[in-house]
Amino acid sequence: MKVNVEIDCTPAEARAFLGLPDVTPLNEAMVSEMQKRMAENMAAMQPEELMKSWTGFGLQAQEQFRRMMEAATK
């Protein structure tokens, strides 16, 4: 025997029916905080700033690798 039950309701109605909490205020707060942080960090996303941070790390990594290889050969 096969029984199909189809329920037509919105996500909010389903949450209320199942007794789940309404997380809309929390979601809105999280989205606004993420938007604020993204707006504050837009200057770091400029190509010049990205290249500065990437090359700085790259040079440090190269120097550390060179020192590690020197230490291994001794």
N, C-alpha and C. Protein backbone atom coordinates (compact mmCIF):
# COMPACT_ATOMS: atom_id res chain seq x y z
N MET A 1 0.85 -1.16 0.00
CA MET A 1 0.00 0.00 0.00
C MET A 1 0.90 1.23 0.00
N LYS A 2 0.54 2.22 -0.76
CA LYS A 2 1.31 3.44 -0.88
C LYS A 2 0.39 4.62 -0.63
N VAL A 3 0.79 5.48 0.30
CA VAL A 3 -0.02 6.65 0.63
C VAL A 3 0.82 7.89 0.41
N ASN A 4 0.29 8.83 -0.30
CA ASN A 4 0.96 10.10 -0.53
C ASN A 4 0.17 11.20 0.17
N VAL A 5 0.88 12.00 0.94
CA VAL A 5 0.25 13.14 1.59
C VAL A 5 0.96 14.38 1.09
N GLU A 6 0.20 15.31 0.56
CA GLU A 6 0.76 16.53 0.03
C GLU A 6 0.29 17.70 0.87
N ILE A 7 1.23 18.47 1.39
CA ILE A 7 0.89 19.62 2.23
C ILE A 7 1.39 20.87 1.52
N ASP A 8 0.51 21.82 1.38
CA ASP A 8 0.85 23.08 0.71
C ASP A 8 0.90 24.18 1.77
N CYS A 9 2.12 24.59 2.13
CA CYS A 9 2.27 25.66 3.11
C CYS A 9 3.59 26.38 2.88
N THR A 10 3.70 27.53 3.47
CA THR A 10 4.93 28.31 3.35
C THR A 10 5.95 27.77 4.34
N PRO A 11 7.23 28.11 4.17
CA PRO A 11 8.24 27.68 5.14
C PRO A 11 7.94 28.16 6.56
N ALA A 12 7.42 29.38 6.69
CA ALA A 12 7.08 29.91 8.01
C ALA A 12 5.96 29.09 8.65
N GLU A 13 4.96 28.71 7.85
CA GLU A 13 3.88 27.89 8.38
C GLU A 13 4.38 26.51 8.78
N ALA A 14 5.28 25.94 8.00
CA ALA A 14 5.84 24.62 8.33
C ALA A 14 6.63 24.68 9.63
N ARG A 15 7.45 25.74 9.81
CA ARG A 15 8.21 25.89 11.06
C ARG A 15 7.28 26.02 12.25
N ALA A 16 6.23 26.81 12.10
CA ALA A 16 5.28 26.99 13.20
C ALA A 16 4.57 25.68 13.52
N PHE A 17 4.19 24.93 12.51
CA PHE A 17 3.51 23.66 12.71
C PHE A 17 4.40 22.64 13.42
N LEU A 18 5.69 22.63 13.05
CA LEU A 18 6.64 21.69 13.66
C LEU A 18 7.21 22.18 14.98
N GLY A 19 6.87 23.40 15.36
CA GLY A 19 7.35 23.94 16.63
C GLY A 19 8.78 24.45 16.57
N LEU A 20 9.28 24.73 15.39
CA LEU A 20 10.63 25.25 15.26
C LEU A 20 10.64 26.76 15.48
N PRO A 21 11.74 27.30 15.98
CA PRO A 21 11.78 28.74 16.25
C PRO A 21 11.86 29.56 14.96
N ASP A 22 11.39 30.78 15.05
CA ASP A 22 11.48 31.72 13.94
C ASP A 22 12.85 32.39 14.02
N VAL A 23 13.71 32.12 13.07
CA VAL A 23 15.07 32.66 13.08
C VAL A 23 15.23 33.87 12.15
N THR A 24 14.13 34.44 11.73
CA THR A 24 14.19 35.58 10.82
C THR A 24 14.97 36.75 11.43
N PRO A 25 14.72 37.15 12.70
CA PRO A 25 15.50 38.26 13.25
C PRO A 25 17.00 37.95 13.32
N LEU A 26 17.35 36.75 13.67
CA LEU A 26 18.76 36.35 13.73
C LEU A 26 19.38 36.40 12.35
N ASN A 27 18.66 35.89 11.36
CA ASN A 27 19.15 35.90 9.99
C ASN A 27 19.36 37.33 9.49
N GLU A 28 18.42 38.21 9.77
CA GLU A 28 18.56 39.61 9.34
C GLU A 28 19.75 40.27 10.02
N ALA A 29 19.97 39.99 11.29
CA ALA A 29 21.11 40.56 12.01
C ALA A 29 22.42 40.05 11.42
N MET A 30 22.48 38.76 11.11
CA MET A 30 23.70 38.20 10.53
C MET A 30 23.99 38.79 9.15
N VAL A 31 22.96 38.92 8.34
CA VAL A 31 23.15 39.47 6.99
C VAL A 31 23.60 40.92 7.07
N SER A 32 23.02 41.71 7.96
CA SER A 32 23.43 43.11 8.07
C SER A 32 24.86 43.22 8.58
N GLU A 33 25.27 42.35 9.51
CA GLU A 33 26.65 42.36 10.00
C GLU A 33 27.62 41.98 8.90
N MET A 34 27.26 40.99 8.09
CA MET A 34 28.13 40.59 6.98
C MET A 34 28.25 41.71 5.95
N GLN A 35 27.15 42.39 5.67
CA GLN A 35 27.19 43.51 4.73
C GLN A 35 28.07 44.62 5.26
N LYS A 36 27.97 44.90 6.56
CA LYS A 36 28.79 45.95 7.16
C LYS A 36 30.27 45.59 7.06
N ARG A 37 30.62 44.36 7.39
CA ARG A 37 32.03 43.94 7.33
C ARG A 37 32.56 43.95 5.91
N MET A 38 31.74 43.54 4.96
CA MET A 38 32.17 43.56 3.57
C MET A 38 32.41 44.98 3.09
N ALA A 39 31.53 45.90 3.47
CA ALA A 39 31.70 47.29 3.07
C ALA A 39 32.97 47.88 3.68
N GLU A 40 33.28 47.50 4.93
CA GLU A 40 34.48 48.01 5.59
C GLU A 40 35.75 47.49 4.93
N ASN A 41 35.69 46.28 4.38
CA ASN A 41 36.89 45.65 3.82
C ASN A 41 37.00 45.79 2.31
N MET A 42 36.20 46.63 1.71
CA MET A 42 36.25 46.78 0.26
C MET A 42 37.60 47.34 -0.20
N ALA A 43 38.25 48.18 0.61
CA ALA A 43 39.55 48.74 0.22
C ALA A 43 40.59 47.64 0.08
N ALA A 44 40.49 46.61 0.89
CA ALA A 44 41.45 45.51 0.82
C ALA A 44 41.26 44.66 -0.43
N MET A 45 40.14 44.83 -1.10
CA MET A 45 39.87 44.03 -2.29
C MET A 45 40.37 44.70 -3.57
N GLN A 46 40.99 45.87 -3.44
CA GLN A 46 41.54 46.54 -4.62
C GLN A 46 42.73 45.74 -5.13
N PRO A 47 42.93 45.67 -6.43
CA PRO A 47 44.02 44.85 -6.98
C PRO A 47 45.40 45.19 -6.41
N GLU A 48 45.66 46.47 -6.20
CA GLU A 48 46.97 46.86 -5.67
C GLU A 48 47.18 46.31 -4.27
N GLU A 49 46.15 46.39 -3.44
CA GLU A 49 46.25 45.89 -2.07
C GLU A 49 46.39 44.37 -2.04
N LEU A 50 45.67 43.68 -2.91
CA LEU A 50 45.79 42.23 -2.98
C LEU A 50 47.21 41.82 -3.37
N MET A 51 47.78 42.50 -4.35
CA MET A 51 49.13 42.16 -4.79
C MET A 51 50.14 42.41 -3.68
N LYS A 52 49.96 43.50 -2.92
CA LYS A 52 50.88 43.78 -1.81
C LYS A 52 50.83 42.66 -0.78
N SER A 53 49.64 42.22 -0.41
CA SER A 53 49.54 41.18 0.60
C SER A 53 50.03 39.84 0.07
N TRP A 54 49.76 39.53 -1.19
CA TRP A 54 50.19 38.25 -1.75
C TRP A 54 51.70 38.20 -1.92
N THR A 55 52.31 39.28 -2.42
CA THR A 55 53.75 39.25 -2.63
C THR A 55 54.49 39.26 -1.30
N GLY A 56 53.96 39.94 -0.31
CA GLY A 56 54.61 39.93 1.01
C GLY A 56 54.65 38.53 1.58
N PHE A 57 53.56 37.82 1.47
CA PHE A 57 53.52 36.44 1.95
C PHE A 57 54.41 35.55 1.11
N GLY A 58 54.41 35.79 -0.19
CA GLY A 58 55.22 34.97 -1.08
C GLY A 58 56.70 35.10 -0.80
N LEU A 59 57.17 36.31 -0.54
CA LEU A 59 58.58 36.51 -0.24
C LEU A 59 58.96 35.88 1.09
N GLN A 60 58.08 36.00 2.07
CA GLN A 60 58.35 35.37 3.36
C GLN A 60 58.40 33.86 3.21
N ALA A 61 57.48 33.31 2.45
CA ALA A 61 57.44 31.87 2.26
C ALA A 61 58.69 31.39 1.53
N GLN A 62 59.15 32.15 0.54
CA GLN A 62 60.36 31.77 -0.18
C GLN A 62 61.56 31.78 0.75
N GLU A 63 61.66 32.80 1.58
CA GLU A 63 62.79 32.91 2.50
C GLU A 63 62.76 31.76 3.52
N GLN A 64 61.60 31.43 4.04
CA GLN A 64 61.48 30.32 5.00
C GLN A 64 61.84 28.99 4.32
N PHE A 65 61.42 28.81 3.09
CA PHE A 65 61.73 27.58 2.37
C PHE A 65 63.24 27.48 2.14
N ARG A 66 63.87 28.58 1.77
CA ARG A 66 65.32 28.58 1.55
C ARG A 66 66.06 28.23 2.83
N ARG A 67 65.63 28.83 3.98
CA ARG A 67 66.27 28.53 5.25
C ARG A 67 66.07 27.06 5.64
N MET A 68 64.89 26.52 5.37
CA MET A 68 64.61 25.14 5.68
C MET A 68 65.51 24.21 4.86
N MET A 69 65.69 24.54 3.59
CA MET A 69 66.56 23.71 2.74
C MET A 69 68.01 23.82 3.17
N GLU A 70 68.46 25.00 3.57
CA GLU A 70 69.83 25.15 4.06
C GLU A 70 70.04 24.34 5.32
N ALA A 71 69.05 24.35 6.22
CA ALA A 71 69.17 23.60 7.45
C ALA A 71 69.18 22.10 7.17
N ALA A 72 68.45 21.66 6.17
CA ALA A 72 68.38 20.23 5.85
C ALA A 72 69.68 19.73 5.23
N THR A 73 70.41 20.60 4.55
CA THR A 73 71.65 20.17 3.89
C THR A 73 72.84 20.17 4.82
N LYS A 74 72.70 20.75 6.00
CA LYS A 74 73.83 20.80 6.94
C LYS A 74 73.95 19.55 7.72
